[in-house]
Amino acid sequence: MSFPGAPTLYPNLSKSPPASAAPPSSSSSSSEPATPLAAPVPAGSAAPESHDMWRESLLRYMGYANEVGEAFRYQAPGMVIPSYLVAFGYVCGDARDKGLRASNAGRSGVYAAADCFVW
């Protein structure tokens, strides 16, 4: 369900794939290879602007490091503070990235970074 004027979180998901990118049929007699849905990215090329390594990769789990530290507080008390440092480092890196992206797009980088840091 979409609401008028509401931003789309993942705009590429709402588009239907081109007709040439139809899923392969269930019969195994077809000798044509399946067409990929997305073109492969050549090595050495820059990642697309929409890719967010802080939230769309395994790096995201660094934000939960303090929860692991708290879970093992009594078994390994020396790991609590380093786990918080890892989590705070993730939050600061994500906020910095959002601020730089916003300032490169012509928006207020300080506002975007502060908004990301608070949330």
N, C-alpha and C. Protein backbone atom coordinates (compact mmCIF):
# COMPACT_ATOMS: atom_id res chain seq x y z
N MET A 1 0.86 -1.16 0.00
CA MET A 1 0.00 0.00 0.00
C MET A 1 0.90 1.22 0.00
N SER A 2 0.59 2.18 -0.85
CA SER A 2 1.37 3.40 -0.87
C SER A 2 0.47 4.58 -0.59
N PHE A 3 1.02 5.60 0.01
CA PHE A 3 0.30 6.80 0.34
C PHE A 3 0.78 7.93 -0.54
N PRO A 4 -0.10 8.80 -0.99
CA PRO A 4 0.34 9.90 -1.86
C PRO A 4 1.33 10.80 -1.14
N GLY A 5 2.42 11.10 -1.77
CA GLY A 5 3.42 12.00 -1.20
C GLY A 5 4.41 11.33 -0.27
N ALA A 6 4.20 10.07 0.05
CA ALA A 6 5.11 9.36 0.96
C ALA A 6 6.34 8.90 0.18
N PRO A 7 7.52 9.02 0.79
CA PRO A 7 8.73 8.56 0.08
C PRO A 7 8.74 7.04 -0.03
N THR A 8 9.36 6.56 -1.07
CA THR A 8 9.48 5.13 -1.29
C THR A 8 10.82 4.67 -0.75
N LEU A 9 10.82 3.70 0.14
CA LEU A 9 12.06 3.24 0.74
C LEU A 9 12.96 2.56 -0.27
N TYR A 10 12.41 1.69 -1.08
CA TYR A 10 13.17 0.96 -2.08
C TYR A 10 12.49 1.16 -3.43
N PRO A 11 12.79 2.26 -4.12
CA PRO A 11 12.06 2.55 -5.37
C PRO A 11 12.29 1.51 -6.46
N ASN A 12 13.43 0.86 -6.50
CA ASN A 12 13.70 -0.11 -7.56
C ASN A 12 12.89 -1.38 -7.42
N LEU A 13 12.39 -1.67 -6.22
CA LEU A 13 11.64 -2.89 -6.01
C LEU A 13 10.22 -2.79 -6.56
N SER A 14 9.70 -1.57 -6.68
CA SER A 14 8.34 -1.41 -7.16
C SER A 14 8.25 -1.53 -8.67
N LYS A 15 9.36 -1.42 -9.39
CA LYS A 15 9.35 -1.53 -10.83
C LYS A 15 9.33 -2.99 -11.23
N SER A 16 8.60 -3.29 -12.29
CA SER A 16 8.60 -4.66 -12.77
C SER A 16 9.82 -4.85 -13.68
N PRO A 17 10.41 -6.03 -13.70
CA PRO A 17 11.59 -6.26 -14.54
C PRO A 17 11.21 -6.23 -16.01
N PRO A 18 12.15 -5.91 -16.88
CA PRO A 18 11.84 -5.91 -18.31
C PRO A 18 11.45 -7.31 -18.78
N ALA A 19 10.77 -7.36 -19.92
CA ALA A 19 10.27 -8.63 -20.43
C ALA A 19 11.40 -9.62 -20.70
N SER A 20 12.58 -9.12 -21.05
CA SER A 20 13.69 -10.01 -21.33
C SER A 20 14.27 -10.64 -20.07
N ALA A 21 13.88 -10.11 -18.90
CA ALA A 21 14.41 -10.63 -17.64
C ALA A 21 13.41 -11.54 -16.94
N ALA A 22 12.56 -12.17 -17.70
CA ALA A 22 11.57 -13.07 -17.11
C ALA A 22 12.28 -14.27 -16.49
N PRO A 23 11.73 -14.82 -15.41
CA PRO A 23 12.37 -15.98 -14.79
C PRO A 23 12.38 -17.16 -15.75
N PRO A 24 13.37 -18.02 -15.63
CA PRO A 24 13.45 -19.17 -16.52
C PRO A 24 12.27 -20.11 -16.30
N SER A 25 11.89 -20.79 -17.36
CA SER A 25 10.78 -21.73 -17.25
C SER A 25 11.24 -22.97 -16.50
N SER A 26 10.26 -23.76 -16.07
CA SER A 26 10.60 -24.94 -15.29
C SER A 26 11.12 -26.09 -16.15
N SER A 27 10.93 -26.01 -17.47
CA SER A 27 11.41 -27.10 -18.31
C SER A 27 12.92 -27.00 -18.48
N SER A 28 13.59 -28.10 -18.46
CA SER A 28 15.04 -28.12 -18.55
C SER A 28 15.54 -28.25 -19.98
N SER A 29 14.61 -28.24 -20.97
CA SER A 29 15.02 -28.43 -22.36
C SER A 29 15.53 -27.14 -22.99
N SER A 30 15.37 -26.00 -22.33
CA SER A 30 15.81 -24.73 -22.89
C SER A 30 17.33 -24.67 -22.90
N SER A 31 17.90 -24.31 -24.05
CA SER A 31 19.36 -24.23 -24.15
C SER A 31 19.87 -22.82 -23.93
N GLU A 32 18.96 -21.82 -23.77
CA GLU A 32 19.38 -20.45 -23.55
C GLU A 32 19.69 -20.23 -22.08
N PRO A 33 20.77 -19.49 -21.79
CA PRO A 33 21.05 -19.20 -20.38
C PRO A 33 20.05 -18.19 -19.85
N ALA A 34 19.83 -18.24 -18.56
CA ALA A 34 18.90 -17.31 -17.92
C ALA A 34 19.47 -15.90 -17.96
N THR A 35 18.63 -14.92 -18.19
CA THR A 35 19.05 -13.53 -18.24
C THR A 35 19.11 -13.00 -16.81
N PRO A 36 20.21 -12.39 -16.40
CA PRO A 36 20.28 -11.85 -15.05
C PRO A 36 19.35 -10.64 -14.91
N LEU A 37 18.82 -10.43 -13.71
CA LEU A 37 17.94 -9.29 -13.47
C LEU A 37 18.71 -7.98 -13.44
N ALA A 38 19.93 -8.00 -13.00
CA ALA A 38 20.75 -6.79 -12.95
C ALA A 38 22.05 -7.05 -13.68
N ALA A 39 22.53 -6.02 -14.34
CA ALA A 39 23.80 -6.14 -15.06
C ALA A 39 24.94 -6.24 -14.06
N PRO A 40 25.93 -7.09 -14.32
CA PRO A 40 27.06 -7.19 -13.39
C PRO A 40 27.86 -5.88 -13.39
N VAL A 41 28.40 -5.55 -12.23
CA VAL A 41 29.21 -4.35 -12.08
C VAL A 41 30.64 -4.69 -12.41
N PRO A 42 31.26 -3.99 -13.36
CA PRO A 42 32.64 -4.29 -13.70
C PRO A 42 33.57 -4.02 -12.52
N ALA A 43 34.64 -4.82 -12.45
CA ALA A 43 35.62 -4.65 -11.36
C ALA A 43 36.26 -3.28 -11.47
N GLY A 44 36.47 -2.62 -10.35
CA GLY A 44 37.12 -1.33 -10.32
C GLY A 44 36.17 -0.16 -10.50
N SER A 45 34.89 -0.42 -10.77
CA SER A 45 33.95 0.69 -10.93
C SER A 45 33.40 1.07 -9.57
N ALA A 46 32.93 2.29 -9.48
CA ALA A 46 32.41 2.80 -8.21
C ALA A 46 31.05 2.15 -7.92
N ALA A 47 30.76 1.99 -6.65
CA ALA A 47 29.47 1.44 -6.25
C ALA A 47 28.38 2.46 -6.53
N PRO A 48 27.15 2.01 -6.79
CA PRO A 48 26.08 2.98 -7.03
C PRO A 48 25.85 3.85 -5.81
N GLU A 49 25.35 5.06 -6.04
CA GLU A 49 25.13 6.02 -4.97
C GLU A 49 24.15 5.50 -3.93
N SER A 50 23.19 4.68 -4.33
CA SER A 50 22.16 4.25 -3.40
C SER A 50 22.64 3.15 -2.44
N HIS A 51 23.78 2.54 -2.69
CA HIS A 51 24.26 1.48 -1.81
C HIS A 51 24.73 2.07 -0.49
N ASP A 52 24.26 1.54 0.60
CA ASP A 52 24.63 2.02 1.92
C ASP A 52 25.31 0.88 2.67
N MET A 53 26.65 0.92 2.68
CA MET A 53 27.39 -0.18 3.29
C MET A 53 27.14 -0.28 4.79
N TRP A 54 26.73 0.79 5.42
CA TRP A 54 26.49 0.77 6.87
C TRP A 54 25.21 0.05 7.23
N ARG A 55 24.27 -0.01 6.30
CA ARG A 55 22.98 -0.62 6.62
C ARG A 55 22.63 -1.80 5.74
N GLU A 56 23.33 -2.00 4.64
CA GLU A 56 23.00 -3.08 3.72
C GLU A 56 24.09 -4.14 3.65
N SER A 57 24.90 -4.25 4.68
CA SER A 57 25.95 -5.27 4.70
C SER A 57 26.05 -5.84 6.11
N LEU A 58 26.94 -6.77 6.27
CA LEU A 58 27.13 -7.37 7.60
C LEU A 58 27.73 -6.39 8.60
N LEU A 59 28.24 -5.26 8.11
CA LEU A 59 28.78 -4.23 8.98
C LEU A 59 27.71 -3.69 9.93
N ARG A 60 26.46 -3.82 9.54
CA ARG A 60 25.35 -3.33 10.35
C ARG A 60 25.34 -3.97 11.75
N TYR A 61 25.77 -5.21 11.83
CA TYR A 61 25.73 -5.91 13.12
C TYR A 61 26.72 -5.35 14.14
N MET A 62 27.65 -4.51 13.70
CA MET A 62 28.55 -3.86 14.66
C MET A 62 27.77 -2.95 15.60
N GLY A 63 26.64 -2.44 15.14
CA GLY A 63 25.79 -1.60 15.98
C GLY A 63 25.19 -2.35 17.15
N TYR A 64 25.18 -3.66 17.09
CA TYR A 64 24.63 -4.48 18.17
C TYR A 64 25.71 -5.09 19.07
N ALA A 65 26.94 -4.66 18.90
CA ALA A 65 28.04 -5.24 19.67
C ALA A 65 27.86 -5.01 21.16
N ASN A 66 27.29 -3.87 21.54
CA ASN A 66 27.11 -3.62 22.97
C ASN A 66 26.12 -4.59 23.59
N GLU A 67 25.16 -5.07 22.80
CA GLU A 67 24.20 -6.06 23.32
C GLU A 67 24.91 -7.37 23.64
N VAL A 68 25.86 -7.75 22.81
CA VAL A 68 26.63 -8.97 23.06
C VAL A 68 27.49 -8.77 24.31
N GLY A 69 28.09 -7.59 24.43
CA GLY A 69 28.89 -7.30 25.62
C GLY A 69 28.08 -7.35 26.90
N GLU A 70 26.86 -6.82 26.83
CA GLU A 70 25.99 -6.85 28.01
C GLU A 70 25.54 -8.28 28.32
N ALA A 71 25.33 -9.07 27.30
CA ALA A 71 24.89 -10.45 27.52
C ALA A 71 25.95 -11.27 28.25
N PHE A 72 27.22 -10.95 28.00
CA PHE A 72 28.31 -11.69 28.64
C PHE A 72 29.00 -10.87 29.72
N ARG A 73 28.28 -9.92 30.31
CA ARG A 73 28.86 -9.03 31.32
C ARG A 73 29.48 -9.82 32.49
N TYR A 74 28.82 -10.85 32.96
CA TYR A 74 29.31 -11.57 34.14
C TYR A 74 30.34 -12.64 33.78
N GLN A 75 30.32 -13.12 32.55
CA GLN A 75 31.30 -14.12 32.13
C GLN A 75 32.60 -13.45 31.69
N ALA A 76 32.48 -12.30 31.03
CA ALA A 76 33.67 -11.58 30.52
C ALA A 76 33.49 -10.09 30.76
N PRO A 77 33.68 -9.64 32.01
CA PRO A 77 33.43 -8.23 32.32
C PRO A 77 34.37 -7.27 31.59
N GLY A 78 35.51 -7.75 31.16
CA GLY A 78 36.45 -6.88 30.45
C GLY A 78 36.03 -6.60 29.01
N MET A 79 34.99 -7.24 28.53
CA MET A 79 34.56 -7.04 27.14
C MET A 79 33.40 -6.07 27.00
N VAL A 80 32.86 -5.57 28.12
CA VAL A 80 31.69 -4.69 28.05
C VAL A 80 32.07 -3.35 27.44
N ILE A 81 33.09 -2.70 27.96
CA ILE A 81 33.49 -1.38 27.45
C ILE A 81 33.96 -1.46 26.00
N PRO A 82 34.79 -2.42 25.61
CA PRO A 82 35.15 -2.51 24.18
C PRO A 82 33.95 -2.75 23.27
N SER A 83 32.95 -3.49 23.75
CA SER A 83 31.77 -3.71 22.92
C SER A 83 31.01 -2.40 22.69
N TYR A 84 30.96 -1.55 23.70
CA TYR A 84 30.33 -0.23 23.53
C TYR A 84 31.15 0.64 22.59
N LEU A 85 32.47 0.54 22.64
CA LEU A 85 33.31 1.32 21.73
C LEU A 85 33.07 0.91 20.28
N VAL A 86 32.90 -0.38 20.04
CA VAL A 86 32.61 -0.86 18.69
C VAL A 86 31.26 -0.32 18.22
N ALA A 87 30.24 -0.40 19.08
CA ALA A 87 28.91 0.08 18.71
C ALA A 87 28.91 1.59 18.47
N PHE A 88 29.57 2.35 19.33
CA PHE A 88 29.64 3.80 19.14
C PHE A 88 30.44 4.15 17.89
N GLY A 89 31.46 3.39 17.60
CA GLY A 89 32.23 3.61 16.37
C GLY A 89 31.36 3.40 15.14
N TYR A 90 30.52 2.38 15.17
CA TYR A 90 29.59 2.13 14.06
C TYR A 90 28.64 3.31 13.89
N VAL A 91 28.05 3.78 14.99
CA VAL A 91 27.08 4.88 14.93
C VAL A 91 27.75 6.14 14.40
N CYS A 92 28.95 6.44 14.88
CA CYS A 92 29.66 7.64 14.41
C CYS A 92 30.02 7.53 12.93
N GLY A 93 30.46 6.37 12.50
CA GLY A 93 30.78 6.18 11.09
C GLY A 93 29.56 6.30 10.20
N ASP A 94 28.44 5.75 10.63
CA ASP A 94 27.21 5.83 9.86
C ASP A 94 26.74 7.29 9.79
N ALA A 95 26.79 8.00 10.91
CA ALA A 95 26.36 9.40 10.92
C ALA A 95 27.27 10.26 10.04
N ARG A 96 28.55 10.00 10.05
CA ARG A 96 29.49 10.75 9.21
C ARG A 96 29.18 10.49 7.73
N ASP A 97 28.93 9.24 7.39
CA ASP A 97 28.62 8.89 6.01
C ASP A 97 27.34 9.58 5.55
N LYS A 98 26.30 9.57 6.39
CA LYS A 98 25.04 10.22 6.01
C LYS A 98 25.23 11.73 5.87
N GLY A 99 26.03 12.32 6.72
CA GLY A 99 26.30 13.76 6.62
C GLY A 99 27.04 14.11 5.34
N LEU A 100 28.04 13.30 4.99
CA LEU A 100 28.79 13.55 3.75
C LEU A 100 27.92 13.36 2.52
N ARG A 101 27.09 12.34 2.53
CA ARG A 101 26.19 12.12 1.39
C ARG A 101 25.21 13.28 1.23
N ALA A 102 24.69 13.77 2.35
CA ALA A 102 23.74 14.88 2.28
C ALA A 102 24.43 16.15 1.79
N SER A 103 25.62 16.43 2.28
CA SER A 103 26.31 17.65 1.84
C SER A 103 26.72 17.55 0.38
N ASN A 104 27.05 16.36 -0.11
CA ASN A 104 27.37 16.19 -1.53
C ASN A 104 26.13 16.35 -2.40
N ALA A 105 24.96 16.09 -1.84
CA ALA A 105 23.71 16.23 -2.59
C ALA A 105 23.13 17.63 -2.46
N GLY A 106 23.82 18.52 -1.76
CA GLY A 106 23.35 19.89 -1.64
C GLY A 106 22.44 20.15 -0.46
N ARG A 107 22.32 19.19 0.44
CA ARG A 107 21.49 19.38 1.63
C ARG A 107 22.39 19.66 2.82
N SER A 108 21.76 19.91 3.97
CA SER A 108 22.52 20.18 5.18
C SER A 108 23.13 18.89 5.72
N GLY A 109 24.46 18.81 5.66
CA GLY A 109 25.15 17.63 6.14
C GLY A 109 25.10 17.51 7.65
N VAL A 110 25.14 18.64 8.35
CA VAL A 110 25.10 18.62 9.81
C VAL A 110 23.75 18.10 10.29
N TYR A 111 22.68 18.56 9.65
CA TYR A 111 21.35 18.10 10.03
C TYR A 111 21.20 16.60 9.79
N ALA A 112 21.65 16.13 8.62
CA ALA A 112 21.53 14.72 8.29
C ALA A 112 22.35 13.86 9.24
N ALA A 113 23.56 14.31 9.57
CA ALA A 113 24.41 13.54 10.50
C ALA A 113 23.80 13.51 11.89
N ALA A 114 23.28 14.66 12.35
CA ALA A 114 22.68 14.70 13.67
C ALA A 114 21.43 13.83 13.74
N ASP A 115 20.63 13.85 12.66
CA ASP A 115 19.44 13.02 12.61
C ASP A 115 19.80 11.54 12.67
N CYS A 116 20.82 11.16 11.93
CA CYS A 116 21.26 9.76 11.94
C CYS A 116 21.83 9.38 13.30
N PHE A 117 22.59 10.28 13.89
CA PHE A 117 23.21 9.98 15.20
C PHE A 117 22.17 9.80 16.28
N VAL A 118 21.12 10.62 16.25
CA VAL A 118 20.07 10.54 17.27
C VAL A 118 19.25 9.26 17.12
N TRP A 119 18.96 8.87 15.88
CA TRP A 119 18.13 7.70 15.66
C TRP A 119 18.96 6.46 15.70
